[in-house]
Amino acid sequence: MPALSRLRRAVLTGALAVLPAAAVVALPAAPAQASSPLRVHAEAQGKFIGTALATSPLANETAYRNIAATEFNQITAENAMKWDATESSPNQFNFSGADQIMAFAEQNGQQVHGHTLVWHNQTPNWVQSLSATEMRSAMQNHISRVAGRYASNPVLKSWDVVNEVFEENGSLRNSFWYQRLGESYIADAFRYAKAADPDAKLCINDYNVEGVNAKSTAMYNLVRTLRAQNVPVDCVGFQSHLAIQYGFPNIQENMQRFADLGVEVRVTEIDVRMQMPRSSAKDATQATYYSNVVKACLAVSRCSGVTIWGFTDKHSWVPDTFSGEGAALIYDENYAKKASYTAVHDALAAGDPGDPDDTEDPSRPGTPAASAITSSGATLTWTASTDNVRVTGYDVYRGTTKLASTTTNSATLTGLTPETAYTVHVVARDAAGNTSAASETTTFTTLEGPGTGTGCTAAYRTVNSWQGGFQGEVKITCAEPVTSWRTTLTFPSTVTISQNWSSVRSGSGGAYTFTNAAWNGTIGAGGSTTFGFIGSWNGSGTPPTPVIS
């Protein structure tokens, strides 16, 4: 959820007060005791459990990264994919934050929901001052560049194409988009997004549409009309910024009526705030709200999952927006699990056939065999594991580094370093989160690949720096078309790189080699791509500049 204008804050606060109240379902007296992460239970039921991530704590807080990686199988960029972050000046694009989110998802076997392409907030002033013709062209270009950048990346599954287009009474929001382009901008945005990324699910998203009310009915009528006109609206997002003092909306009934239109539904931004200070009673009520939302999604077959808008109160947007309110998430500000975590866990685990009684590990997978080896990839196959309930997936490791996750007994590895030996093994997992013994290892060596000296050049810049740390970015520009690239940065030995995105990193001691990720190795003649990283060094002042080879 972004920063809100004063007007929207007032509207949001007031509107929630008139949501229809419903009886609060009490928490089970004896919640399930299974200890598997949330994502394990969600995956077992064919759903996602997601969270919104901010780039700063993702780069700088170990607890934040670990929880985000372990508990969730879907992530949304809180701000890094919005217009002001990606195109603050006309046709000048910055994908460093968005690429950081994508890289984290790739590393942790997660899917990404893109948020958001067209919105009246967090859109630069230069867009708002354009003429109608210029604005439509800018919108098309922005969608093409942003959605198109990740179209070939398999972890990017969906986009919020248009966001918050309605007023509380169900009329279309009188935004600069509507004033300049009329209602047609909504359909145009979906068509542009479909052209940019044909495989992504395309969503319309709004707040205060969780229950059946004037605003959600207007959304329903719009979606029905757009789909009748063959506009590619695939899903509807319910933000669900709830508060315990305003009653619980009739969310399952509302989800089902949208699902009956043939669209996917999802909860995109749930948090449940309370008037401070916290108390055990307020925590219990909050927990029932979370539980009821998850249960509603589980009950509607076309509901794909639930995304929590952040997960720790330490980084919640709520206290800065709603005076005197907070504690809206499932972890507290010290990363301790709250009653709401248990409620979400138990709601997901209730339908998981492997939980809580299944304690038997899957059998050991067969030794992986490598084939189709290239400079940046390989295909692995192995004999499948067996399990007393069912095997739900496999993870491929190089040492302790996870290279891939798959639901079948084969995996395609991408983004590998050329001319490098890889010794890998496979671990199976079941619906209850039990894991097998590691398979026997196999070793293969990637082929020679083109480096930046083959028609490509690399340019480095320091994006940001702070005491003892910095963010670096490298732009690869190719005079000739290539299908993979590689470059080495040599820093003083005092520099350590801890995280990178849009690339695969190897090396240590100040010398680091970066190769392309799975989705950005192909660069056309005259084209370019960028990758970034977080570094630390023992010093002060300006971070050191690397030697590039």
Protein backbone atom coordinates (compact mmCIF):
# COMPACT_ATOMS: atom_id res chain seq x y z
CA MET A 1 0.00 0.00 0.00
CA PRO A 2 1.49 3.34 -0.97
CA ALA A 3 1.56 6.61 0.87
CA LEU A 4 -1.91 8.16 0.68
CA SER A 5 -3.15 11.66 0.09
CA ARG A 6 -5.03 13.39 2.91
CA LEU A 7 -8.26 13.02 0.95
CA ARG A 8 -7.82 9.32 0.44
CA ARG A 9 -6.94 8.78 4.06
CA ALA A 10 -10.19 10.37 5.07
CA VAL A 11 -12.18 8.41 2.49
CA LEU A 12 -10.59 5.11 3.45
CA THR A 13 -11.09 5.66 7.14
CA GLY A 14 -14.70 6.68 6.73
CA ALA A 15 -15.60 4.03 4.21
CA LEU A 16 -14.51 1.15 6.36
CA ALA A 17 -16.95 2.25 9.02
CA VAL A 18 -19.93 1.36 6.83
CA LEU A 19 -18.74 -2.09 5.77
CA PRO A 20 -21.37 -4.70 6.68
CA ALA A 21 -20.57 -6.38 9.95
CA ALA A 22 -20.56 -10.15 10.30
CA ALA A 23 -20.23 -12.48 13.22
CA VAL A 24 -16.61 -13.07 14.09
CA VAL A 25 -15.69 -16.73 13.97
CA ALA A 26 -13.85 -17.81 17.09
CA LEU A 27 -10.39 -19.30 16.83
CA PRO A 28 -10.15 -23.06 17.38
CA ALA A 29 -9.60 -23.94 21.00
CA ALA A 30 -6.71 -26.24 20.09
CA PRO A 31 -4.89 -24.95 16.97
CA ALA A 32 -2.89 -27.34 14.83
CA GLN A 33 0.64 -27.94 16.02
CA ALA A 34 2.39 -28.54 12.67
CA SER A 35 5.53 -26.46 12.34
CA SER A 36 5.81 -26.30 8.55
CA PRO A 37 6.13 -22.81 7.03
CA LEU A 38 3.05 -21.09 5.63
CA ARG A 39 4.13 -21.68 2.03
CA VAL A 40 4.28 -25.46 2.48
CA HIS A 41 0.62 -25.63 3.48
CA ALA A 42 -0.46 -23.13 0.83
CA GLU A 43 1.33 -25.05 -1.91
CA ALA A 44 -0.26 -28.29 -0.73
CA GLN A 45 -3.66 -26.72 -1.40
CA GLY A 46 -2.71 -25.18 -4.73
CA LYS A 47 -2.71 -21.62 -3.36
CA PHE A 48 -0.11 -18.96 -2.72
CA ILE A 49 0.57 -17.12 0.50
CA GLY A 50 2.37 -13.92 -0.29
CA THR A 51 3.85 -10.77 1.17
CA ALA A 52 4.84 -7.30 -0.03
CA LEU A 53 8.54 -6.57 0.27
CA ALA A 54 10.46 -3.32 0.66
CA THR A 55 13.91 -3.17 -0.90
CA SER A 56 15.77 -1.50 1.98
CA PRO A 57 15.13 -4.12 4.71
CA LEU A 58 15.46 -6.84 2.07
CA ALA A 59 19.02 -5.64 1.47
CA ASN A 60 19.94 -4.84 5.06
CA GLU A 61 18.06 -7.08 7.54
CA THR A 62 18.85 -10.78 7.81
CA ALA A 63 15.68 -11.62 9.78
CA TYR A 64 13.54 -9.86 7.18
CA ARG A 65 15.17 -11.77 4.32
CA ASN A 66 14.99 -15.13 6.06
CA ILE A 67 11.31 -14.88 6.97
CA ALA A 68 10.40 -13.58 3.51
CA ALA A 69 12.21 -16.49 1.89
CA THR A 70 11.01 -19.22 4.24
CA GLU A 71 7.35 -18.42 4.85
CA PHE A 72 6.02 -17.10 1.52
CA ASN A 73 5.79 -18.53 -1.99
CA GLN A 74 4.65 -15.28 -3.61
CA ILE A 75 5.96 -11.71 -3.31
CA THR A 76 4.87 -8.26 -4.44
CA ALA A 77 7.12 -5.22 -4.65
CA GLU A 78 5.72 -2.69 -2.20
CA ASN A 79 6.97 0.28 -4.22
CA ALA A 80 9.81 -0.76 -6.53
CA MET A 81 7.67 -1.49 -9.60
CA LYS A 82 5.50 1.63 -9.47
CA TRP A 83 5.78 4.41 -12.02
CA ASP A 84 7.69 6.87 -9.83
CA ALA A 85 10.27 4.17 -9.07
CA THR A 86 10.72 2.87 -12.61
CA GLU A 87 10.23 5.98 -14.81
CA SER A 88 10.57 9.16 -12.77
CA SER A 89 11.65 11.07 -15.92
CA PRO A 90 10.27 10.56 -19.44
CA ASN A 91 11.64 7.37 -21.00
CA GLN A 92 14.43 7.14 -18.40
CA PHE A 93 13.95 3.78 -16.72
CA ASN A 94 15.44 2.50 -13.47
CA PHE A 95 14.83 -1.15 -12.68
CA SER A 96 17.31 -1.61 -9.85
CA GLY A 97 14.68 -2.06 -7.14
CA ALA A 98 12.38 -4.15 -9.31
CA ASP A 99 15.28 -6.36 -10.38
CA GLN A 100 16.23 -6.83 -6.73
CA ILE A 101 12.73 -8.17 -6.00
CA MET A 102 12.85 -10.44 -9.04
CA ALA A 103 16.26 -11.83 -8.09
CA PHE A 104 15.08 -12.61 -4.56
CA ALA A 105 12.08 -14.50 -5.94
CA GLU A 106 14.26 -16.47 -8.34
CA GLN A 107 16.62 -17.45 -5.55
CA ASN A 108 13.79 -18.66 -3.30
CA GLY A 109 11.39 -20.41 -5.68
CA GLN A 110 8.72 -17.71 -5.41
CA GLN A 111 6.31 -16.15 -7.88
CA VAL A 112 6.04 -12.38 -8.31
CA HIS A 113 2.92 -10.23 -8.66
CA GLY A 114 3.74 -6.95 -10.44
CA HIS A 115 2.33 -3.85 -8.75
CA THR A 116 1.28 -1.57 -10.43
CA LEU A 117 1.23 -0.27 -14.02
CA VAL A 118 -1.46 2.46 -14.08
CA TRP A 119 -2.48 4.32 -10.93
CA HIS A 120 -3.38 7.88 -9.96
CA ASN A 121 -0.90 7.92 -7.06
CA GLN A 122 2.88 7.66 -7.20
CA THR A 123 2.81 8.70 -10.85
CA PRO A 124 5.27 11.51 -11.69
CA ASN A 125 4.03 15.04 -12.38
CA TRP A 126 5.39 14.93 -15.91
CA VAL A 127 2.82 12.24 -16.77
CA GLN A 128 -0.05 14.16 -15.23
CA SER A 129 0.70 17.30 -17.29
CA LEU A 130 0.64 15.56 -20.69
CA SER A 131 -1.99 16.10 -23.36
CA ALA A 132 -4.44 13.27 -24.05
CA THR A 133 -2.46 12.01 -27.05
CA GLU A 134 0.85 12.25 -25.21
CA MET A 135 -0.57 10.61 -22.08
CA ARG A 136 -1.94 7.61 -23.97
CA SER A 137 1.40 7.20 -25.72
CA ALA A 138 3.31 7.49 -22.44
CA MET A 139 1.04 4.89 -20.83
CA GLN A 140 1.57 2.45 -23.68
CA ASN A 141 5.33 2.97 -23.63
CA HIS A 142 5.53 2.59 -19.87
CA ILE A 143 3.54 -0.64 -19.84
CA SER A 144 5.52 -2.00 -22.78
CA ARG A 145 8.86 -1.28 -21.13
CA VAL A 146 8.01 -2.33 -17.57
CA ALA A 147 5.80 -5.38 -18.17
CA GLY A 148 7.80 -6.28 -21.26
CA ARG A 149 11.07 -6.33 -19.32
CA TYR A 150 9.92 -9.36 -17.31
CA ALA A 151 7.74 -11.05 -19.93
CA SER A 152 10.24 -13.88 -20.45
CA ASN A 153 10.88 -14.38 -16.74
CA PRO A 154 8.86 -17.36 -15.46
CA VAL A 155 8.59 -16.07 -11.88
CA LEU A 156 6.56 -12.98 -12.93
CA LYS A 157 3.06 -14.45 -12.96
CA SER A 158 0.67 -11.50 -12.83
CA TRP A 159 0.23 -7.70 -12.88
CA ASP A 160 -2.04 -5.15 -11.29
CA VAL A 161 -2.73 -3.37 -14.57
CA VAL A 162 -5.03 -0.63 -13.28
CA ASN A 163 -5.31 0.23 -9.61
CA GLU A 164 -8.06 1.98 -7.62
CA VAL A 165 -10.29 3.31 -10.42
CA PHE A 166 -13.46 3.77 -8.33
CA GLU A 167 -14.82 6.23 -5.77
CA GLU A 168 -16.63 4.90 -2.71
CA ASN A 169 -20.07 5.46 -4.29
CA GLY A 170 -19.18 3.34 -7.32
CA SER A 171 -18.49 6.16 -9.76
CA LEU A 172 -15.22 6.16 -11.67
CA ARG A 173 -12.48 8.02 -9.86
CA ASN A 174 -12.00 11.54 -11.24
CA SER A 175 -8.26 11.02 -11.66
CA PHE A 176 -6.04 12.71 -14.21
CA TRP A 177 -6.27 9.51 -16.26
CA TYR A 178 -10.05 9.75 -16.39
CA GLN A 179 -10.07 13.51 -16.93
CA ARG A 180 -7.73 13.32 -19.90
CA LEU A 181 -8.56 9.95 -21.49
CA GLY A 182 -12.02 9.02 -20.25
CA GLU A 183 -13.02 5.49 -19.25
CA SER A 184 -11.24 4.00 -22.28
CA TYR A 185 -7.87 4.21 -20.54
CA ILE A 186 -8.81 1.14 -18.48
CA ALA A 187 -9.41 -1.13 -21.47
CA ASP A 188 -6.40 0.32 -23.29
CA ALA A 189 -4.13 -0.42 -20.34
CA PHE A 190 -5.18 -4.08 -20.32
CA ARG A 191 -4.65 -4.39 -24.06
CA TYR A 192 -1.20 -2.80 -23.81
CA ALA A 193 -0.29 -5.14 -20.94
CA LYS A 194 -1.44 -8.18 -22.90
CA ALA A 195 0.77 -7.15 -25.80
CA ALA A 196 3.74 -6.61 -23.47
CA ASP A 197 3.40 -9.87 -21.53
CA PRO A 198 0.98 -12.33 -23.17
CA ASP A 199 1.43 -15.00 -20.49
CA ALA A 200 0.87 -12.94 -17.33
CA LYS A 201 -2.49 -12.83 -15.56
CA LEU A 202 -3.81 -9.28 -15.75
CA CYS A 203 -5.68 -7.89 -12.75
CA ILE A 204 -7.77 -4.92 -11.67
CA ASN A 205 -7.21 -4.03 -8.02
CA ASP A 206 -8.97 -1.80 -5.47
CA TYR A 207 -9.61 -1.21 -1.77
CA ASN A 208 -12.95 -1.38 0.10
CA VAL A 209 -14.25 -3.90 -2.43
CA GLU A 210 -13.90 -6.92 -0.14
CA GLY A 211 -17.61 -7.05 0.74
CA VAL A 212 -20.72 -6.60 -1.38
CA ASN A 213 -21.26 -2.83 -1.55
CA ALA A 214 -21.67 -0.03 -4.09
CA LYS A 215 -17.98 0.09 -4.92
CA SER A 216 -17.52 -3.65 -5.37
CA THR A 217 -20.72 -3.84 -7.42
CA ALA A 218 -19.37 -1.15 -9.73
CA MET A 219 -16.18 -3.18 -10.04
CA TYR A 220 -18.23 -6.29 -10.79
CA ASN A 221 -20.18 -4.50 -13.54
CA LEU A 222 -17.00 -3.08 -15.07
CA VAL A 223 -15.26 -6.46 -15.16
CA ARG A 224 -18.31 -8.09 -16.70
CA THR A 225 -18.51 -5.36 -19.36
CA LEU A 226 -14.80 -5.44 -20.18
CA ARG A 227 -14.76 -9.22 -20.56
CA ALA A 228 -17.82 -9.05 -22.82
CA GLN A 229 -15.75 -6.70 -25.01
CA ASN A 230 -12.86 -9.21 -25.05
CA VAL A 231 -10.66 -6.97 -22.91
CA PRO A 232 -8.14 -9.35 -21.27
CA VAL A 233 -9.13 -8.96 -17.61
CA ASP A 234 -8.03 -12.20 -15.96
CA CYS A 235 -8.33 -11.49 -12.26
CA VAL A 236 -9.71 -9.17 -9.58
CA GLY A 237 -7.71 -8.10 -6.54
CA PHE A 238 -9.27 -7.26 -3.18
CA GLN A 239 -6.79 -5.18 -1.19
CA SER A 240 -8.45 -5.87 2.18
CA HIS A 241 -6.93 -3.19 4.40
CA LEU A 242 -9.17 -4.07 7.34
CA ALA A 243 -9.58 -2.77 10.89
CA ILE A 244 -10.98 -4.73 13.81
CA GLN A 245 -13.20 -1.86 14.98
CA TYR A 246 -15.24 -1.75 11.74
CA GLY A 247 -16.60 -5.28 11.39
CA PHE A 248 -15.75 -8.08 8.98
CA PRO A 249 -17.02 -7.86 5.35
CA ASN A 250 -18.92 -10.65 3.58
CA ILE A 251 -15.83 -11.49 1.60
CA GLN A 252 -16.53 -15.10 0.57
CA GLU A 253 -19.89 -14.20 -1.00
CA ASN A 254 -18.25 -11.35 -2.87
CA MET A 255 -15.33 -13.49 -4.06
CA GLN A 256 -17.71 -16.10 -5.36
CA ARG A 257 -19.77 -13.70 -7.46
CA PHE A 258 -16.61 -12.46 -9.20
CA ALA A 259 -15.38 -16.02 -9.63
CA ASP A 260 -18.68 -16.87 -11.29
CA LEU A 261 -17.78 -14.35 -14.01
CA GLY A 262 -14.89 -16.65 -14.90
CA VAL A 263 -12.10 -14.52 -13.43
CA GLU A 264 -9.49 -15.43 -10.86
CA VAL A 265 -9.81 -13.63 -7.53
CA ARG A 266 -7.11 -12.93 -4.98
CA VAL A 267 -6.51 -10.98 -1.78
CA THR A 268 -3.68 -8.65 -2.73
CA GLU A 269 -2.80 -6.41 0.24
CA ILE A 270 -4.33 -7.64 3.47
CA ASP A 271 -3.47 -6.10 6.81
CA VAL A 272 -5.71 -5.80 9.87
CA ARG A 273 -5.03 -2.75 12.01
CA MET A 274 -6.18 -1.96 15.52
CA GLN A 275 -6.37 1.09 17.76
CA MET A 276 -3.26 1.14 19.89
CA PRO A 277 -2.15 -0.05 22.37
CA ARG A 278 -2.28 -3.77 21.58
CA SER A 279 -4.00 -6.17 23.92
CA SER A 280 -4.50 -9.94 23.90
CA ALA A 281 -8.18 -9.43 23.14
CA LYS A 282 -7.41 -7.22 20.15
CA ASP A 283 -4.81 -9.71 18.95
CA ALA A 284 -7.38 -12.49 19.13
CA THR A 285 -9.93 -10.50 17.14
CA GLN A 286 -7.30 -9.61 14.57
CA ALA A 287 -6.37 -13.28 14.29
CA THR A 288 -9.96 -14.24 13.49
CA TYR A 289 -10.02 -11.67 10.68
CA TYR A 290 -6.89 -13.13 9.11
CA SER A 291 -8.22 -16.66 9.57
CA ASN A 292 -11.58 -15.81 8.01
CA VAL A 293 -9.96 -14.20 4.95
CA VAL A 294 -7.75 -17.23 4.33
CA LYS A 295 -10.67 -19.61 4.83
CA ALA A 296 -12.78 -17.61 2.38
CA CYS A 297 -10.06 -17.93 -0.25
CA LEU A 298 -9.73 -21.66 0.39
CA ALA A 299 -13.49 -22.05 -0.04
CA VAL A 300 -13.55 -20.37 -3.47
CA SER A 301 -11.88 -22.52 -6.10
CA ARG A 302 -10.96 -19.55 -8.31
CA CYS A 303 -9.21 -17.74 -5.45
CA SER A 304 -5.51 -18.14 -6.17
CA GLY A 305 -4.16 -16.93 -2.85
CA VAL A 306 -3.68 -14.27 -0.20
CA THR A 307 -0.91 -11.64 -0.02
CA ILE A 308 -0.19 -9.92 3.29
CA TRP A 309 0.93 -6.29 2.83
CA GLY A 310 4.25 -6.78 4.56
CA PHE A 311 4.63 -9.18 7.42
CA THR A 312 6.31 -7.31 10.30
CA ASP A 313 4.93 -4.35 12.22
CA LYS A 314 8.45 -2.91 12.10
CA HIS A 315 7.96 -1.88 8.46
CA SER A 316 4.18 -1.40 8.24
CA TRP A 317 2.71 1.63 6.45
CA VAL A 318 -0.25 1.76 8.86
CA PRO A 319 1.06 3.91 11.78
CA ASP A 320 2.17 6.66 9.41
CA THR A 321 -1.25 6.79 7.75
CA PHE A 322 -3.80 6.08 10.50
CA SER A 323 -3.08 8.09 13.62
CA GLY A 324 -3.17 5.99 16.77
CA GLU A 325 -3.51 2.70 14.88
CA GLY A 326 -1.05 -0.06 14.05
CA ALA A 327 0.08 -3.63 14.89
CA ALA A 328 -1.56 -4.71 11.63
CA LEU A 329 0.64 -7.64 10.59
CA ILE A 330 1.41 -11.23 11.59
CA TYR A 331 4.88 -10.58 13.08
CA ASP A 332 5.57 -7.88 15.64
CA GLU A 333 8.27 -5.24 15.33
CA ASN A 334 10.84 -7.67 16.78
CA TYR A 335 10.01 -10.40 14.23
CA ALA A 336 8.13 -12.51 16.79
CA LYS A 337 5.11 -14.45 15.51
CA LYS A 338 1.75 -13.12 16.68
CA ALA A 339 -1.58 -14.88 17.14
CA SER A 340 -2.40 -13.82 13.59
CA TYR A 341 0.50 -15.87 12.25
CA THR A 342 -0.89 -18.93 14.01
CA ALA A 343 -4.35 -18.19 12.63
CA VAL A 344 -3.07 -17.98 9.05
CA HIS A 345 -0.95 -21.09 9.52
CA ASP A 346 -3.78 -23.16 10.98
CA ALA A 347 -6.29 -22.05 8.35
CA LEU A 348 -3.88 -23.14 5.61
CA ALA A 349 -2.86 -26.33 7.40
CA ALA A 350 -6.45 -27.46 8.07
CA GLY A 351 -6.88 -28.66 4.49
CA ASP A 352 -3.33 -29.92 4.04
CA PRO A 353 -3.51 -33.73 3.80
CA GLY A 354 0.02 -34.06 5.09
CA ASP A 355 -0.43 -32.09 8.28
CA PRO A 356 -0.10 -32.65 11.20
CA ASP A 357 0.23 -36.43 11.44
CA ASP A 358 2.59 -37.13 8.54
CA THR A 359 6.14 -37.40 9.90
CA GLU A 360 7.53 -39.81 7.30
CA ASP A 361 10.22 -38.45 4.97
CA PRO A 362 10.09 -39.07 1.22
CA SER A 363 12.51 -41.64 -0.14
CA ARG A 364 15.90 -40.52 -1.42
CA PRO A 365 15.81 -39.27 -5.04
CA GLY A 366 17.93 -40.97 -7.66
CA THR A 367 21.29 -39.55 -8.72
CA PRO A 368 20.65 -36.63 -11.10
CA ALA A 369 21.89 -36.92 -14.68
CA ALA A 370 22.93 -33.78 -16.56
CA SER A 371 22.15 -33.16 -20.22
CA ALA A 372 21.68 -30.26 -22.66
CA ILE A 373 24.65 -28.48 -21.08
CA THR A 374 25.34 -24.97 -22.37
CA SER A 375 27.50 -22.07 -21.22
CA SER A 376 24.75 -20.90 -18.87
CA GLY A 377 22.46 -23.85 -18.23
CA ALA A 378 21.81 -27.59 -18.04
CA THR A 379 18.91 -30.03 -17.67
CA LEU A 380 18.84 -32.47 -14.75
CA THR A 381 16.71 -35.61 -14.45
CA TRP A 382 16.53 -38.18 -11.66
CA THR A 383 14.49 -41.13 -10.43
CA ALA A 384 11.45 -39.85 -8.55
CA SER A 385 11.02 -40.25 -4.80
CA THR A 386 8.08 -41.98 -3.14
CA ASP A 387 6.15 -40.94 -0.03
CA ASN A 388 3.44 -42.33 2.24
CA VAL A 389 1.16 -39.39 1.26
CA ARG A 390 2.65 -37.62 -1.74
CA VAL A 391 5.77 -35.89 -2.93
CA THR A 392 5.05 -32.23 -3.66
CA GLY A 393 8.38 -31.11 -5.10
CA TYR A 394 12.15 -31.20 -5.33
CA ASP A 395 14.95 -28.71 -4.66
CA VAL A 396 18.26 -28.76 -6.53
CA TYR A 397 21.31 -27.61 -4.56
CA ARG A 398 24.92 -26.77 -5.23
CA GLY A 399 26.31 -27.21 -1.74
CA THR A 400 23.90 -25.16 0.39
CA THR A 401 22.83 -22.87 -2.48
CA LYS A 402 19.45 -23.69 -3.96
CA LEU A 403 19.63 -23.58 -7.78
CA ALA A 404 16.07 -24.59 -8.66
CA SER A 405 12.74 -25.87 -7.32
CA THR A 406 10.42 -28.10 -9.33
CA THR A 407 7.32 -30.26 -8.90
CA THR A 408 8.60 -32.99 -11.27
CA ASN A 409 11.70 -35.20 -11.35
CA SER A 410 13.53 -32.89 -13.75
CA ALA A 411 14.79 -29.32 -13.63
CA THR A 412 16.24 -26.85 -16.10
CA LEU A 413 19.07 -24.84 -14.57
CA THR A 414 19.68 -21.37 -16.01
CA GLY A 415 21.93 -18.42 -15.28
CA LEU A 416 25.00 -20.59 -14.65
CA THR A 417 28.58 -19.34 -15.04
CA PRO A 418 30.43 -20.43 -18.20
CA GLU A 419 33.37 -22.82 -17.89
CA THR A 420 32.46 -23.72 -14.32
CA ALA A 421 32.16 -27.10 -12.61
CA TYR A 422 28.86 -27.64 -10.78
CA THR A 423 28.43 -30.45 -8.23
CA VAL A 424 24.72 -30.77 -7.45
CA HIS A 425 22.29 -32.89 -5.50
CA VAL A 426 18.50 -33.16 -5.15
CA VAL A 427 16.22 -33.18 -2.09
CA ALA A 428 12.55 -34.22 -2.20
CA ARG A 429 9.80 -32.70 -0.02
CA ASP A 430 6.24 -33.75 0.81
CA ALA A 431 2.99 -31.98 1.68
CA ALA A 432 3.86 -31.85 5.40
CA GLY A 433 7.24 -30.27 4.80
CA ASN A 434 9.22 -33.46 5.44
CA THR A 435 12.37 -33.69 3.33
CA SER A 436 14.32 -36.65 2.03
CA ALA A 437 17.96 -37.48 2.38
CA ALA A 438 20.05 -35.76 -0.29
CA SER A 439 20.62 -37.69 -3.48
CA GLU A 440 24.06 -38.73 -4.62
CA THR A 441 25.88 -35.83 -6.27
CA THR A 442 26.69 -35.40 -9.93
CA THR A 443 29.19 -33.00 -11.48
CA PHE A 444 29.05 -31.26 -14.86
CA THR A 445 30.96 -28.35 -16.38
CA THR A 446 29.32 -25.56 -18.33
CA LEU A 447 30.63 -24.70 -21.78
CA GLU A 448 32.65 -21.67 -22.80
CA GLY A 449 30.50 -18.59 -23.27
CA PRO A 450 30.91 -15.08 -24.61
CA GLY A 451 32.16 -12.45 -22.20
CA THR A 452 31.76 -8.71 -22.35
CA GLY A 453 34.78 -8.54 -24.62
CA THR A 454 32.75 -10.15 -27.43
CA GLY A 455 30.94 -7.13 -28.78
CA CYS A 456 29.89 -5.93 -25.31
CA THR A 457 31.12 -3.37 -22.82
CA ALA A 458 30.39 -2.92 -19.12
CA ALA A 459 29.98 0.39 -17.29
CA TYR A 460 29.86 0.64 -13.49
CA ARG A 461 28.27 3.26 -11.23
CA THR A 462 27.61 3.61 -7.51
CA VAL A 463 23.87 4.12 -7.11
CA ASN A 464 23.86 4.83 -3.39
CA SER A 465 26.23 4.59 -0.45
CA TRP A 466 26.19 4.74 3.33
CA GLN A 467 28.68 4.19 6.13
CA GLY A 468 30.31 0.85 5.34
CA GLY A 469 27.96 -0.08 2.51
CA PHE A 470 26.89 0.78 -1.01
CA GLN A 471 24.66 -0.23 -3.93
CA GLY A 472 26.40 -0.74 -7.27
CA GLU A 473 25.03 -1.12 -10.77
CA VAL A 474 26.62 -2.35 -14.01
CA LYS A 475 25.21 -1.66 -17.45
CA ILE A 476 26.07 -4.19 -20.16
CA THR A 477 25.84 -2.72 -23.69
CA CYS A 478 26.36 -4.91 -26.76
CA ALA A 479 27.24 -3.76 -30.26
CA GLU A 480 26.44 -7.23 -31.61
CA PRO A 481 23.62 -9.60 -30.59
CA VAL A 482 24.51 -12.07 -27.82
CA THR A 483 22.63 -14.83 -26.01
CA SER A 484 24.69 -14.68 -22.79
CA TRP A 485 27.17 -12.36 -21.14
CA ARG A 486 29.77 -12.30 -18.39
CA THR A 487 31.91 -9.68 -16.66
CA THR A 488 34.28 -9.60 -13.71
CA LEU A 489 34.54 -6.79 -11.16
CA THR A 490 37.73 -6.63 -9.12
CA PHE A 491 37.48 -4.56 -5.92
CA PRO A 492 40.01 -4.22 -3.11
CA SER A 493 39.90 -7.29 -0.84
CA THR A 494 38.11 -5.21 1.81
CA VAL A 495 34.93 -5.23 -0.33
CA THR A 496 32.35 -7.99 0.16
CA ILE A 497 29.28 -8.39 -2.06
CA SER A 498 26.38 -9.92 -0.15
CA GLN A 499 23.44 -9.72 -2.54
CA ASN A 500 22.92 -9.26 -6.26
CA TRP A 501 20.02 -9.20 -8.71
CA SER A 502 19.49 -9.66 -12.45
CA SER A 503 22.70 -11.73 -12.54
CA VAL A 504 24.40 -14.82 -11.17
CA ARG A 505 27.44 -14.15 -8.96
CA SER A 506 30.53 -16.19 -8.17
CA GLY A 507 33.88 -15.37 -6.58
CA SER A 508 35.16 -13.82 -3.35
CA GLY A 509 38.07 -11.83 -1.97
CA GLY A 510 37.18 -8.74 -3.95
CA ALA A 511 37.00 -10.43 -7.38
CA TYR A 512 33.47 -11.28 -8.47
CA THR A 513 32.24 -12.67 -11.79
CA PHE A 514 28.68 -11.94 -12.89
CA THR A 515 26.81 -13.76 -15.64
CA ASN A 516 23.33 -13.21 -16.98
CA ALA A 517 20.21 -14.37 -15.19
CA ALA A 518 17.85 -16.77 -16.93
CA TRP A 519 15.84 -14.01 -18.53
CA ASN A 520 18.32 -11.28 -19.55
CA GLY A 521 21.09 -13.08 -21.41
CA THR A 522 19.78 -12.21 -24.87
CA ILE A 523 20.72 -8.68 -25.91
CA GLY A 524 20.13 -7.35 -29.40
CA ALA A 525 22.62 -5.28 -31.37
CA GLY A 526 22.87 -1.88 -29.70
CA GLY A 527 20.85 -3.11 -26.71
CA SER A 528 21.69 -3.17 -23.04
CA THR A 529 20.75 -4.61 -19.68
CA THR A 530 21.68 -3.79 -16.10
CA PHE A 531 22.37 -5.74 -12.94
CA GLY A 532 22.95 -4.55 -9.41
CA PHE A 533 24.33 -5.60 -6.05
CA ILE A 534 24.79 -4.62 -2.42
CA GLY A 535 28.37 -4.34 -1.16
CA SER A 536 30.13 -3.57 2.10
CA TRP A 537 33.66 -2.38 2.76
CA ASN A 538 35.93 -1.43 5.64
CA GLY A 539 36.24 2.26 5.05
CA SER A 540 34.47 5.58 4.83
CA GLY A 541 33.79 8.16 2.16
CA THR A 542 33.28 7.20 -1.47
CA PRO A 543 33.08 3.42 -2.13
CA PRO A 544 35.90 2.00 -4.26
CA THR A 545 35.42 1.66 -8.04
CA PRO A 546 36.12 -1.81 -9.46
CA VAL A 547 38.37 -2.79 -12.32
CA ILE A 548 36.15 -4.33 -15.02
CA SER A 549 37.29 -7.23 -17.18
